[in-house]
N, C-alpha and C. Protein backbone atom coordinates (compact mmCIF):
# COMPACT_ATOMS: atom_id res chain seq x y z
N MET A 1 0.82 -1.21 0.00
CA MET A 1 0.00 0.00 0.00
C MET A 1 0.86 1.26 0.00
N GLN A 2 1.91 1.29 0.84
CA GLN A 2 2.73 2.50 0.90
C GLN A 2 3.51 2.73 -0.38
N ASP A 3 3.88 1.66 -1.08
CA ASP A 3 4.54 1.81 -2.38
C ASP A 3 3.64 2.58 -3.34
N GLU A 4 2.35 2.29 -3.29
CA GLU A 4 1.39 2.99 -4.15
C GLU A 4 1.31 4.47 -3.79
N VAL A 5 1.32 4.76 -2.49
CA VAL A 5 1.25 6.14 -2.03
C VAL A 5 2.48 6.91 -2.47
N VAL A 6 3.65 6.32 -2.29
CA VAL A 6 4.90 6.98 -2.68
C VAL A 6 4.90 7.27 -4.18
N LYS A 7 4.53 6.29 -4.96
CA LYS A 7 4.48 6.47 -6.41
C LYS A 7 3.50 7.58 -6.78
N ALA A 8 2.34 7.61 -6.12
CA ALA A 8 1.32 8.62 -6.42
C ALA A 8 1.80 10.02 -6.07
N LEU A 9 2.50 10.16 -4.95
CA LEU A 9 2.91 11.48 -4.49
C LEU A 9 4.10 12.05 -5.27
N LEU A 10 4.61 11.29 -6.20
CA LEU A 10 5.61 11.82 -7.12
C LEU A 10 4.94 12.45 -8.34
N ASN A 11 3.60 12.39 -8.35
CA ASN A 11 2.80 12.95 -9.44
C ASN A 11 2.14 14.24 -8.96
N PRO A 12 2.33 15.36 -9.65
CA PRO A 12 1.75 16.64 -9.22
C PRO A 12 0.24 16.61 -9.02
N GLU A 13 -0.45 15.74 -9.74
CA GLU A 13 -1.91 15.70 -9.66
C GLU A 13 -2.41 15.17 -8.31
N ALA A 14 -1.51 14.60 -7.51
CA ALA A 14 -1.92 14.03 -6.22
C ALA A 14 -1.99 15.07 -5.10
N TYR A 15 -1.57 16.29 -5.38
CA TYR A 15 -1.44 17.28 -4.30
C TYR A 15 -2.66 18.18 -4.15
N ASP A 16 -2.79 18.71 -2.93
CA ASP A 16 -3.90 19.61 -2.62
C ASP A 16 -3.66 21.02 -3.14
N VAL A 17 -2.39 21.37 -3.38
CA VAL A 17 -2.03 22.64 -4.00
C VAL A 17 -0.96 22.36 -5.05
N GLU A 18 -0.80 23.24 -6.01
CA GLU A 18 0.20 23.05 -7.06
C GLU A 18 1.58 22.88 -6.42
N PRO A 19 2.24 21.72 -6.63
CA PRO A 19 3.48 21.44 -5.91
C PRO A 19 4.75 21.99 -6.54
N GLY A 20 4.72 22.26 -7.85
CA GLY A 20 5.97 22.58 -8.51
C GLY A 20 6.84 21.34 -8.57
N LYS A 21 8.14 21.52 -8.45
CA LYS A 21 9.06 20.37 -8.47
C LYS A 21 8.88 19.54 -7.20
N ILE A 22 8.87 18.22 -7.36
CA ILE A 22 8.70 17.30 -6.23
C ILE A 22 9.99 16.53 -6.00
N GLN A 23 10.46 16.51 -4.76
CA GLN A 23 11.66 15.75 -4.41
C GLN A 23 11.34 14.82 -3.24
N LEU A 24 11.72 13.55 -3.36
CA LEU A 24 11.51 12.57 -2.29
C LEU A 24 12.80 12.33 -1.53
N ILE A 25 12.72 12.47 -0.22
CA ILE A 25 13.84 12.14 0.68
C ILE A 25 13.34 11.07 1.64
N GLN A 26 14.16 10.06 1.88
CA GLN A 26 13.77 9.00 2.82
C GLN A 26 14.68 8.99 4.04
N THR A 27 14.08 8.79 5.21
CA THR A 27 14.83 8.49 6.41
C THR A 27 14.46 7.07 6.82
N HIS A 28 14.98 6.60 7.95
CA HIS A 28 14.65 5.24 8.38
C HIS A 28 13.19 5.11 8.80
N ILE A 29 12.50 6.25 9.05
CA ILE A 29 11.12 6.16 9.52
C ILE A 29 10.13 6.98 8.69
N SER A 30 10.60 7.71 7.68
CA SER A 30 9.69 8.61 6.96
C SER A 30 9.97 8.68 5.47
N PHE A 31 8.90 8.95 4.71
CA PHE A 31 8.99 9.41 3.33
C PHE A 31 8.71 10.91 3.38
N ILE A 32 9.62 11.72 2.90
CA ILE A 32 9.46 13.17 2.97
C ILE A 32 9.40 13.73 1.55
N PHE A 33 8.29 14.37 1.23
CA PHE A 33 8.08 14.93 -0.11
C PHE A 33 8.23 16.44 -0.04
N LEU A 34 9.28 16.95 -0.70
CA LEU A 34 9.53 18.38 -0.74
C LEU A 34 8.87 18.95 -1.99
N THR A 35 8.01 19.94 -1.82
CA THR A 35 7.43 20.65 -2.95
C THR A 35 7.90 22.10 -2.89
N GLU A 36 7.41 22.91 -3.79
CA GLU A 36 7.91 24.28 -3.87
C GLU A 36 7.68 25.06 -2.58
N LYS A 37 6.50 24.93 -1.98
CA LYS A 37 6.17 25.72 -0.79
C LYS A 37 5.93 24.89 0.46
N PHE A 38 5.66 23.59 0.28
CA PHE A 38 5.29 22.77 1.43
C PHE A 38 6.08 21.47 1.46
N VAL A 39 6.06 20.84 2.65
CA VAL A 39 6.69 19.53 2.86
C VAL A 39 5.62 18.60 3.42
N TYR A 40 5.58 17.37 2.90
CA TYR A 40 4.62 16.37 3.38
C TYR A 40 5.42 15.17 3.89
N LYS A 41 5.21 14.84 5.17
CA LYS A 41 5.95 13.73 5.77
C LYS A 41 5.01 12.56 6.05
N VAL A 42 5.29 11.43 5.41
CA VAL A 42 4.51 10.20 5.60
C VAL A 42 5.35 9.24 6.45
N LYS A 43 4.78 8.72 7.51
CA LYS A 43 5.52 7.79 8.36
C LYS A 43 5.54 6.40 7.74
N LYS A 44 6.72 5.78 7.74
CA LYS A 44 6.85 4.43 7.20
C LYS A 44 6.19 3.41 8.14
N ALA A 45 5.63 2.38 7.56
CA ALA A 45 4.96 1.33 8.34
C ALA A 45 6.00 0.37 8.91
N VAL A 46 6.76 0.86 9.90
CA VAL A 46 7.85 0.07 10.48
C VAL A 46 7.66 -0.05 11.99
N ASN A 47 8.26 -1.09 12.55
CA ASN A 47 8.32 -1.28 14.00
C ASN A 47 9.79 -1.45 14.36
N LEU A 48 10.37 -0.44 15.02
CA LEU A 48 11.78 -0.47 15.38
C LEU A 48 11.98 -0.68 16.87
N GLY A 49 10.94 -1.13 17.54
CA GLY A 49 11.05 -1.34 18.98
C GLY A 49 10.72 -0.08 19.75
N PHE A 50 11.51 0.97 19.53
CA PHE A 50 11.25 2.23 20.23
C PHE A 50 10.12 3.02 19.59
N LEU A 51 9.67 2.58 18.41
CA LEU A 51 8.48 3.16 17.79
C LEU A 51 7.80 2.09 16.96
N ASP A 52 6.49 2.26 16.78
CA ASP A 52 5.70 1.29 16.03
C ASP A 52 4.67 2.04 15.18
N PHE A 53 4.92 2.08 13.87
CA PHE A 53 4.03 2.76 12.93
C PHE A 53 3.35 1.76 11.99
N THR A 54 3.14 0.55 12.46
CA THR A 54 2.74 -0.53 11.55
C THR A 54 1.28 -0.49 11.13
N THR A 55 0.43 0.27 11.82
CA THR A 55 -0.97 0.35 11.41
C THR A 55 -1.32 1.78 11.01
N LEU A 56 -2.35 1.90 10.20
CA LEU A 56 -2.80 3.23 9.76
C LEU A 56 -3.21 4.08 10.96
N GLU A 57 -3.89 3.48 11.92
CA GLU A 57 -4.34 4.23 13.09
C GLU A 57 -3.16 4.74 13.91
N LYS A 58 -2.11 3.93 14.03
CA LYS A 58 -0.92 4.37 14.76
C LYS A 58 -0.23 5.51 14.02
N ARG A 59 -0.18 5.43 12.70
CA ARG A 59 0.46 6.50 11.94
C ARG A 59 -0.34 7.80 12.05
N ARG A 60 -1.66 7.70 12.06
CA ARG A 60 -2.49 8.89 12.28
C ARG A 60 -2.21 9.50 13.64
N TYR A 61 -2.18 8.65 14.68
CA TYR A 61 -1.95 9.13 16.04
C TYR A 61 -0.60 9.85 16.15
N TYR A 62 0.45 9.24 15.60
CA TYR A 62 1.78 9.83 15.75
C TYR A 62 1.98 11.05 14.84
N CYS A 63 1.25 11.13 13.75
CA CYS A 63 1.25 12.37 12.96
C CYS A 63 0.66 13.50 13.80
N GLU A 64 -0.44 13.22 14.48
CA GLU A 64 -1.09 14.23 15.30
C GLU A 64 -0.21 14.64 16.49
N LYS A 65 0.49 13.66 17.08
CA LYS A 65 1.39 13.98 18.20
C LYS A 65 2.57 14.82 17.71
N GLU A 66 3.10 14.49 16.53
CA GLU A 66 4.21 15.28 15.98
C GLU A 66 3.77 16.72 15.77
N LEU A 67 2.58 16.90 15.23
CA LEU A 67 2.05 18.24 15.00
C LEU A 67 1.91 18.98 16.33
N GLU A 68 1.32 18.31 17.31
CA GLU A 68 1.09 18.93 18.62
C GLU A 68 2.39 19.35 19.29
N LEU A 69 3.37 18.44 19.30
CA LEU A 69 4.61 18.71 20.01
C LEU A 69 5.47 19.75 19.30
N ASN A 70 5.60 19.64 17.99
CA ASN A 70 6.49 20.54 17.27
C ASN A 70 5.92 21.94 17.09
N ARG A 71 4.61 22.07 17.17
CA ARG A 71 4.01 23.40 17.10
C ARG A 71 4.41 24.27 18.29
N ARG A 72 4.85 23.65 19.36
CA ARG A 72 5.24 24.43 20.54
C ARG A 72 6.39 25.37 20.23
N LEU A 73 7.26 24.96 19.31
CA LEU A 73 8.40 25.79 18.92
C LEU A 73 8.26 26.36 17.51
N CYS A 74 7.50 25.69 16.66
CA CYS A 74 7.42 26.07 15.25
C CYS A 74 5.97 26.10 14.77
N GLU A 75 5.16 26.90 15.43
CA GLU A 75 3.73 26.91 15.12
C GLU A 75 3.45 27.31 13.68
N ASP A 76 4.26 28.24 13.14
CA ASP A 76 4.00 28.73 11.79
C ASP A 76 4.48 27.77 10.71
N MET A 77 5.24 26.74 11.10
CA MET A 77 5.76 25.79 10.11
C MET A 77 4.97 24.49 10.08
N TYR A 78 4.51 24.03 11.22
CA TYR A 78 3.72 22.79 11.28
C TYR A 78 2.25 23.14 11.10
N LEU A 79 1.70 22.81 9.95
CA LEU A 79 0.39 23.32 9.55
C LEU A 79 -0.78 22.41 9.93
N GLU A 80 -0.72 21.14 9.52
CA GLU A 80 -1.86 20.26 9.75
C GLU A 80 -1.49 18.82 9.43
N VAL A 81 -2.34 17.90 9.88
CA VAL A 81 -2.27 16.51 9.44
C VAL A 81 -3.28 16.35 8.31
N VAL A 82 -2.82 15.86 7.17
CA VAL A 82 -3.72 15.71 6.01
C VAL A 82 -3.96 14.23 5.73
N THR A 83 -5.13 13.96 5.19
CA THR A 83 -5.44 12.60 4.75
C THR A 83 -4.92 12.39 3.34
N ILE A 84 -4.62 11.15 3.03
CA ILE A 84 -4.31 10.75 1.65
C ILE A 84 -5.38 9.73 1.28
N ASN A 85 -6.16 10.06 0.27
CA ASN A 85 -7.36 9.28 -0.05
C ASN A 85 -7.25 8.59 -1.41
N ARG A 86 -7.98 7.48 -1.50
CA ARG A 86 -8.10 6.78 -2.78
C ARG A 86 -9.56 6.83 -3.24
N SER A 87 -9.76 7.23 -4.49
CA SER A 87 -11.10 7.28 -5.06
C SER A 87 -11.02 6.99 -6.55
N ASN A 88 -11.81 6.02 -7.01
CA ASN A 88 -11.84 5.66 -8.43
C ASN A 88 -10.45 5.37 -8.99
N GLY A 89 -9.62 4.72 -8.16
CA GLY A 89 -8.31 4.30 -8.62
C GLY A 89 -7.23 5.36 -8.53
N SER A 90 -7.57 6.58 -8.13
CA SER A 90 -6.56 7.64 -8.02
C SER A 90 -6.32 7.98 -6.56
N ILE A 91 -5.11 8.42 -6.26
CA ILE A 91 -4.71 8.76 -4.90
C ILE A 91 -4.43 10.26 -4.84
N LYS A 92 -5.02 10.92 -3.81
CA LYS A 92 -4.88 12.38 -3.73
C LYS A 92 -4.86 12.84 -2.27
N ILE A 93 -4.02 13.82 -1.99
CA ILE A 93 -3.98 14.43 -0.67
C ILE A 93 -5.25 15.25 -0.45
N LYS A 94 -5.91 15.03 0.69
CA LYS A 94 -7.17 15.71 1.03
C LYS A 94 -8.21 15.50 -0.06
N GLY A 95 -8.21 14.28 -0.58
CA GLY A 95 -9.15 13.96 -1.65
C GLY A 95 -10.43 13.34 -1.10
N LYS A 96 -11.14 12.66 -1.97
CA LYS A 96 -12.38 11.98 -1.59
C LYS A 96 -12.12 10.48 -1.49
N GLY A 97 -13.05 9.79 -0.85
CA GLY A 97 -12.95 8.34 -0.79
C GLY A 97 -12.21 7.83 0.43
N GLN A 98 -11.73 6.61 0.33
CA GLN A 98 -11.10 5.91 1.45
C GLN A 98 -9.79 6.56 1.88
N VAL A 99 -9.63 6.74 3.19
CA VAL A 99 -8.36 7.23 3.73
C VAL A 99 -7.38 6.06 3.78
N ILE A 100 -6.28 6.18 3.05
CA ILE A 100 -5.30 5.09 3.02
C ILE A 100 -3.98 5.47 3.68
N GLU A 101 -3.81 6.76 4.00
CA GLU A 101 -2.57 7.19 4.65
C GLU A 101 -2.76 8.59 5.22
N TYR A 102 -1.81 8.98 6.08
CA TYR A 102 -1.80 10.32 6.67
C TYR A 102 -0.42 10.93 6.47
N ALA A 103 -0.38 12.26 6.47
CA ALA A 103 0.89 12.96 6.36
C ALA A 103 0.86 14.23 7.19
N VAL A 104 2.02 14.61 7.70
CA VAL A 104 2.16 15.91 8.36
C VAL A 104 2.54 16.92 7.29
N LYS A 105 1.75 17.97 7.19
CA LYS A 105 2.02 19.02 6.20
C LYS A 105 2.71 20.19 6.89
N MET A 106 3.85 20.60 6.32
CA MET A 106 4.64 21.68 6.90
C MET A 106 4.94 22.74 5.85
N ARG A 107 5.16 23.94 6.31
CA ARG A 107 5.63 24.98 5.42
C ARG A 107 7.11 24.72 5.14
N ARG A 108 7.52 24.82 3.90
CA ARG A 108 8.92 24.53 3.58
C ARG A 108 9.81 25.67 4.05
N PHE A 109 10.85 25.29 4.76
CA PHE A 109 11.79 26.27 5.29
C PHE A 109 12.68 26.77 4.16
N PRO A 110 12.89 28.09 4.05
CA PRO A 110 13.76 28.62 2.98
C PRO A 110 15.15 27.99 3.05
N GLN A 111 15.59 27.41 1.96
CA GLN A 111 16.87 26.69 1.94
C GLN A 111 18.04 27.60 2.29
N GLU A 112 17.93 28.87 1.92
CA GLU A 112 19.03 29.79 2.20
C GLU A 112 19.15 30.11 3.69
N ARG A 113 18.14 29.72 4.49
CA ARG A 113 18.18 29.97 5.92
C ARG A 113 18.52 28.70 6.71
N MET A 114 18.80 27.61 6.02
CA MET A 114 19.21 26.38 6.70
C MET A 114 20.54 26.61 7.41
N MET A 115 20.68 26.06 8.61
CA MET A 115 21.90 26.26 9.38
C MET A 115 23.13 25.76 8.63
N SER A 116 23.01 24.62 7.96
CA SER A 116 24.15 24.09 7.21
C SER A 116 24.62 25.07 6.14
N ARG A 117 23.65 25.72 5.47
CA ARG A 117 23.99 26.71 4.44
C ARG A 117 24.63 27.95 5.07
N LEU A 118 24.06 28.41 6.17
CA LEU A 118 24.61 29.59 6.84
C LEU A 118 26.02 29.34 7.35
N LEU A 119 26.27 28.12 7.85
CA LEU A 119 27.62 27.79 8.32
C LEU A 119 28.61 27.77 7.17
N GLU A 120 28.20 27.18 6.05
CA GLU A 120 29.08 27.15 4.87
C GLU A 120 29.43 28.56 4.40
N GLU A 121 28.48 29.47 4.53
CA GLU A 121 28.68 30.85 4.07
C GLU A 121 29.20 31.76 5.17
N ASN A 122 29.56 31.16 6.31
CA ASN A 122 30.13 31.90 7.44
C ASN A 122 29.22 33.04 7.90
N LYS A 123 27.92 32.73 7.99
CA LYS A 123 26.94 33.74 8.38
C LYS A 123 26.36 33.48 9.77
N VAL A 124 26.97 32.57 10.51
CA VAL A 124 26.50 32.27 11.87
C VAL A 124 27.42 32.96 12.87
N ASP A 125 26.88 33.90 13.63
CA ASP A 125 27.67 34.59 14.65
C ASP A 125 27.12 34.28 16.04
N MET A 126 27.77 34.82 17.05
CA MET A 126 27.37 34.52 18.43
C MET A 126 25.97 35.04 18.75
N LYS A 127 25.54 36.09 18.07
CA LYS A 127 24.20 36.62 18.30
C LYS A 127 23.15 35.56 17.93
N ILE A 128 23.38 34.87 16.81
CA ILE A 128 22.45 33.81 16.38
C ILE A 128 22.49 32.64 17.36
N ILE A 129 23.70 32.24 17.75
CA ILE A 129 23.85 31.12 18.69
C ILE A 129 23.18 31.44 20.02
N ASP A 130 23.38 32.65 20.52
CA ASP A 130 22.77 33.06 21.79
C ASP A 130 21.24 33.05 21.69
N LYS A 131 20.71 33.49 20.54
CA LYS A 131 19.26 33.51 20.36
C LYS A 131 18.69 32.10 20.36
N ILE A 132 19.38 31.18 19.67
CA ILE A 132 18.94 29.78 19.65
C ILE A 132 19.00 29.18 21.05
N ALA A 133 20.10 29.44 21.75
CA ALA A 133 20.28 28.89 23.10
C ALA A 133 19.19 29.41 24.05
N LYS A 134 18.88 30.70 23.95
CA LYS A 134 17.85 31.28 24.82
C LYS A 134 16.47 30.69 24.50
N THR A 135 16.18 30.51 23.22
CA THR A 135 14.90 29.93 22.82
C THR A 135 14.74 28.53 23.40
N ILE A 136 15.80 27.71 23.28
CA ILE A 136 15.75 26.34 23.79
C ILE A 136 15.67 26.33 25.31
N SER A 137 16.45 27.20 25.95
CA SER A 137 16.44 27.27 27.42
C SER A 137 15.06 27.68 27.94
N ASP A 138 14.47 28.70 27.33
CA ASP A 138 13.14 29.15 27.75
C ASP A 138 12.10 28.05 27.55
N PHE A 139 12.23 27.34 26.43
CA PHE A 139 11.29 26.27 26.12
C PHE A 139 11.36 25.17 27.18
N HIS A 140 12.57 24.74 27.51
CA HIS A 140 12.73 23.66 28.49
C HIS A 140 12.31 24.10 29.89
N SER A 141 12.53 25.35 30.22
CA SER A 141 12.18 25.83 31.57
C SER A 141 10.67 25.83 31.79
N LYS A 142 9.91 25.93 30.69
CA LYS A 142 8.45 25.97 30.79
C LYS A 142 7.79 24.62 30.48
N ALA A 143 8.58 23.67 30.00
CA ALA A 143 8.02 22.37 29.63
C ALA A 143 7.51 21.62 30.86
N GLU A 144 6.52 20.79 30.65
CA GLU A 144 5.89 20.07 31.75
C GLU A 144 6.84 19.08 32.41
N THR A 145 6.72 18.94 33.71
CA THR A 145 7.45 17.90 34.44
C THR A 145 6.55 17.40 35.57
N ASN A 146 6.60 16.09 35.81
CA ASN A 146 5.81 15.49 36.89
C ASN A 146 6.41 14.12 37.20
N GLU A 147 5.79 13.38 38.10
CA GLU A 147 6.34 12.09 38.50
C GLU A 147 6.42 11.10 37.33
N ARG A 148 5.41 11.12 36.48
CA ARG A 148 5.43 10.21 35.32
C ARG A 148 6.59 10.55 34.39
N ILE A 149 6.78 11.83 34.11
CA ILE A 149 7.88 12.27 33.24
C ILE A 149 9.22 11.98 33.89
N ASN A 150 9.31 12.16 35.21
CA ASN A 150 10.56 11.91 35.93
C ASN A 150 11.10 10.50 35.70
N GLN A 151 10.20 9.54 35.54
CA GLN A 151 10.62 8.15 35.35
C GLN A 151 11.56 8.00 34.15
N PHE A 152 11.34 8.82 33.11
CA PHE A 152 12.15 8.70 31.90
C PHE A 152 13.58 9.20 32.09
N GLY A 153 13.83 9.89 33.21
CA GLY A 153 15.18 10.32 33.51
C GLY A 153 15.90 9.41 34.47
N SER A 154 15.22 8.36 34.92
CA SER A 154 15.85 7.43 35.86
C SER A 154 16.90 6.59 35.14
N LEU A 155 17.91 6.20 35.88
CA LEU A 155 18.97 5.39 35.29
C LEU A 155 18.42 4.07 34.76
N LYS A 156 17.42 3.51 35.43
CA LYS A 156 16.83 2.24 35.00
C LYS A 156 16.25 2.35 33.59
N ILE A 157 15.49 3.43 33.33
CA ILE A 157 14.88 3.61 32.01
C ILE A 157 15.93 3.94 30.96
N ILE A 158 16.86 4.82 31.32
CA ILE A 158 17.91 5.21 30.37
C ILE A 158 18.75 4.00 29.98
N GLU A 159 19.10 3.17 30.96
CA GLU A 159 19.88 1.97 30.67
C GLU A 159 19.10 1.01 29.78
N ALA A 160 17.80 0.87 30.03
CA ALA A 160 16.96 -0.01 29.21
C ALA A 160 16.90 0.49 27.76
N ASN A 161 16.82 1.81 27.59
CA ASN A 161 16.80 2.37 26.24
C ASN A 161 18.12 2.14 25.51
N TRP A 162 19.23 2.31 26.23
CA TRP A 162 20.53 2.05 25.61
C TRP A 162 20.68 0.58 25.25
N LYS A 163 20.24 -0.31 26.14
CA LYS A 163 20.33 -1.75 25.87
C LYS A 163 19.56 -2.09 24.60
N GLU A 164 18.35 -1.51 24.46
CA GLU A 164 17.56 -1.75 23.25
C GLU A 164 18.30 -1.26 22.01
N ASN A 165 18.91 -0.07 22.10
CA ASN A 165 19.67 0.46 20.96
C ASN A 165 20.81 -0.47 20.57
N PHE A 166 21.55 -0.94 21.57
CA PHE A 166 22.68 -1.83 21.28
C PHE A 166 22.19 -3.17 20.71
N ASP A 167 21.12 -3.71 21.28
CA ASP A 167 20.58 -4.98 20.78
C ASP A 167 20.16 -4.86 19.32
N GLN A 168 19.55 -3.74 18.97
CA GLN A 168 19.09 -3.54 17.59
C GLN A 168 20.23 -3.26 16.63
N THR A 169 21.34 -2.75 17.17
CA THR A 169 22.48 -2.40 16.32
C THR A 169 23.39 -3.60 16.05
N LYS A 170 23.35 -4.60 16.92
CA LYS A 170 24.27 -5.74 16.80
C LYS A 170 24.26 -6.39 15.42
N GLU A 171 23.06 -6.51 14.83
CA GLU A 171 22.96 -7.20 13.54
C GLU A 171 23.62 -6.41 12.40
N PHE A 172 23.98 -5.15 12.67
CA PHE A 172 24.60 -4.33 11.63
C PHE A 172 26.11 -4.19 11.81
N ILE A 173 26.65 -4.90 12.83
CA ILE A 173 28.11 -4.89 13.01
C ILE A 173 28.76 -5.51 11.78
N GLY A 174 29.73 -4.80 11.25
CA GLY A 174 30.39 -5.27 10.03
C GLY A 174 29.71 -4.79 8.76
N ILE A 175 28.55 -4.13 8.92
CA ILE A 175 27.82 -3.60 7.76
C ILE A 175 27.84 -2.07 7.78
N THR A 176 27.27 -1.50 8.84
CA THR A 176 27.27 -0.04 8.97
C THR A 176 28.11 0.45 10.14
N ILE A 177 28.56 -0.46 10.98
CA ILE A 177 29.42 -0.09 12.10
C ILE A 177 30.41 -1.22 12.34
N SER A 178 31.65 -0.86 12.64
CA SER A 178 32.67 -1.88 12.87
C SER A 178 32.53 -2.46 14.27
N TYR A 179 33.12 -3.65 14.45
CA TYR A 179 33.09 -4.31 15.75
C TYR A 179 33.79 -3.45 16.80
N ASN A 180 34.93 -2.85 16.43
CA ASN A 180 35.68 -2.02 17.37
C ASN A 180 34.90 -0.78 17.77
N ASP A 181 34.26 -0.13 16.79
CA ASP A 181 33.48 1.07 17.10
C ASP A 181 32.30 0.73 18.01
N PHE A 182 31.63 -0.38 17.71
CA PHE A 182 30.49 -0.80 18.54
C PHE A 182 30.94 -1.01 19.98
N ASN A 183 32.03 -1.75 20.17
CA ASN A 183 32.51 -2.03 21.52
C ASN A 183 32.97 -0.77 22.25
N GLN A 184 33.59 0.15 21.50
CA GLN A 184 34.06 1.39 22.11
C GLN A 184 32.88 2.24 22.60
N ILE A 185 31.85 2.35 21.76
CA ILE A 185 30.65 3.11 22.15
C ILE A 185 29.97 2.44 23.34
N TYR A 186 29.84 1.12 23.28
CA TYR A 186 29.21 0.35 24.36
C TYR A 186 29.92 0.62 25.69
N LYS A 187 31.26 0.55 25.65
CA LYS A 187 32.04 0.73 26.87
C LYS A 187 31.89 2.15 27.42
N LYS A 188 31.96 3.14 26.54
CA LYS A 188 31.85 4.53 26.99
C LYS A 188 30.48 4.81 27.61
N VAL A 189 29.43 4.29 27.00
CA VAL A 189 28.08 4.52 27.51
C VAL A 189 27.92 3.91 28.90
N TYR A 190 28.33 2.65 29.05
CA TYR A 190 28.14 1.99 30.35
C TYR A 190 29.10 2.53 31.40
N ASP A 191 30.29 2.95 30.99
CA ASP A 191 31.20 3.60 31.94
C ASP A 191 30.59 4.89 32.47
N PHE A 192 29.98 5.67 31.55
CA PHE A 192 29.37 6.94 31.95
C PHE A 192 28.22 6.69 32.93
N MET A 193 27.39 5.72 32.63
CA MET A 193 26.26 5.44 33.53
C MET A 193 26.75 4.96 34.89
N ASP A 194 27.77 4.10 34.89
CA ASP A 194 28.29 3.58 36.16
C ASP A 194 28.87 4.69 37.04
N LYS A 195 29.51 5.67 36.39
CA LYS A 195 30.20 6.73 37.13
C LYS A 195 29.29 7.90 37.51
N ASN A 196 28.06 7.92 36.99
CA ASN A 196 27.21 9.08 37.20
C ASN A 196 25.83 8.74 37.77
N VAL A 197 25.80 7.71 38.61
CA VAL A 197 24.53 7.31 39.24
C VAL A 197 23.92 8.47 40.01
N LEU A 198 24.75 9.18 40.79
CA LEU A 198 24.26 10.29 41.60
C LEU A 198 23.79 11.45 40.73
N LEU A 199 24.45 11.66 39.59
CA LEU A 199 24.05 12.74 38.68
C LEU A 199 22.64 12.49 38.13
N PHE A 200 22.36 11.26 37.73
CA PHE A 200 21.03 10.93 37.22
C PHE A 200 19.97 11.15 38.31
N GLU A 201 20.28 10.72 39.53
CA GLU A 201 19.34 10.91 40.64
C GLU A 201 19.12 12.39 40.93
N LYS A 202 20.20 13.16 40.88
CA LYS A 202 20.13 14.60 41.15
C LYS A 202 19.25 15.31 40.12
N ARG A 203 19.39 14.93 38.86
CA ARG A 203 18.58 15.55 37.79
C ARG A 203 17.09 15.28 38.01
N VAL A 204 16.76 14.07 38.40
CA VAL A 204 15.36 13.73 38.67
C VAL A 204 14.84 14.53 39.86
N ASN A 205 15.62 14.56 40.94
CA ASN A 205 15.19 15.24 42.17
C ASN A 205 15.03 16.75 41.99
N LYS A 206 15.78 17.33 41.06
CA LYS A 206 15.71 18.77 40.82
C LYS A 206 14.72 19.14 39.73
N GLY A 207 13.96 18.17 39.24
CA GLY A 207 12.94 18.46 38.24
C GLY A 207 13.50 18.81 36.88
N LYS A 208 14.65 18.25 36.53
CA LYS A 208 15.29 18.56 35.25
C LYS A 208 14.75 17.72 34.09
N ILE A 209 13.95 16.72 34.39
CA ILE A 209 13.41 15.86 33.33
C ILE A 209 12.12 16.49 32.82
N ARG A 210 12.11 16.85 31.55
CA ARG A 210 10.98 17.59 30.98
C ARG A 210 10.35 16.84 29.82
N ASP A 211 9.09 17.17 29.57
CA ASP A 211 8.35 16.54 28.47
C ASP A 211 8.99 16.91 27.13
């Protein structure tokens, strides 16, 4: 089903607004369609342990959560969750007929304002860095924290997350990561956790774990 959606979204007729040039970028969890003014992100139907997008309902839910969470910092860029519909054999964003997929619709960020571009052109100064740092600091200082959220900062949960990452990475040793690199990262991570038990506890007790 997703192969059909990807193929359809490479066709200008599938869009809710005139797309201009269409470019597809893939990550391990998303199909990202760049158009002239907007970006449409479709979640891949994958289960990686730490996330599960295998059903249409789950993809709808996580599209809505992505919109909700990212609007906190980028309200003008994260626009809406759109349906992708099939009707009379054709697939169209915000169309008629059966809903077969969902996508997060975003305003496309001007490429000339991308940080990578600005760095290449030596246009990033301390004023910009300070502004970014203050924005992030203010955001975290106001973010929600409670007993449920605190659990995610506990050493037990952090260690479980790292273990899952290492377990999932093992099958790629010798393919995308060398045996030596894997072991070095593994050792550094567990050494850090072993040496900083009190630091993790202190962060939880001081309310540093935020949503």
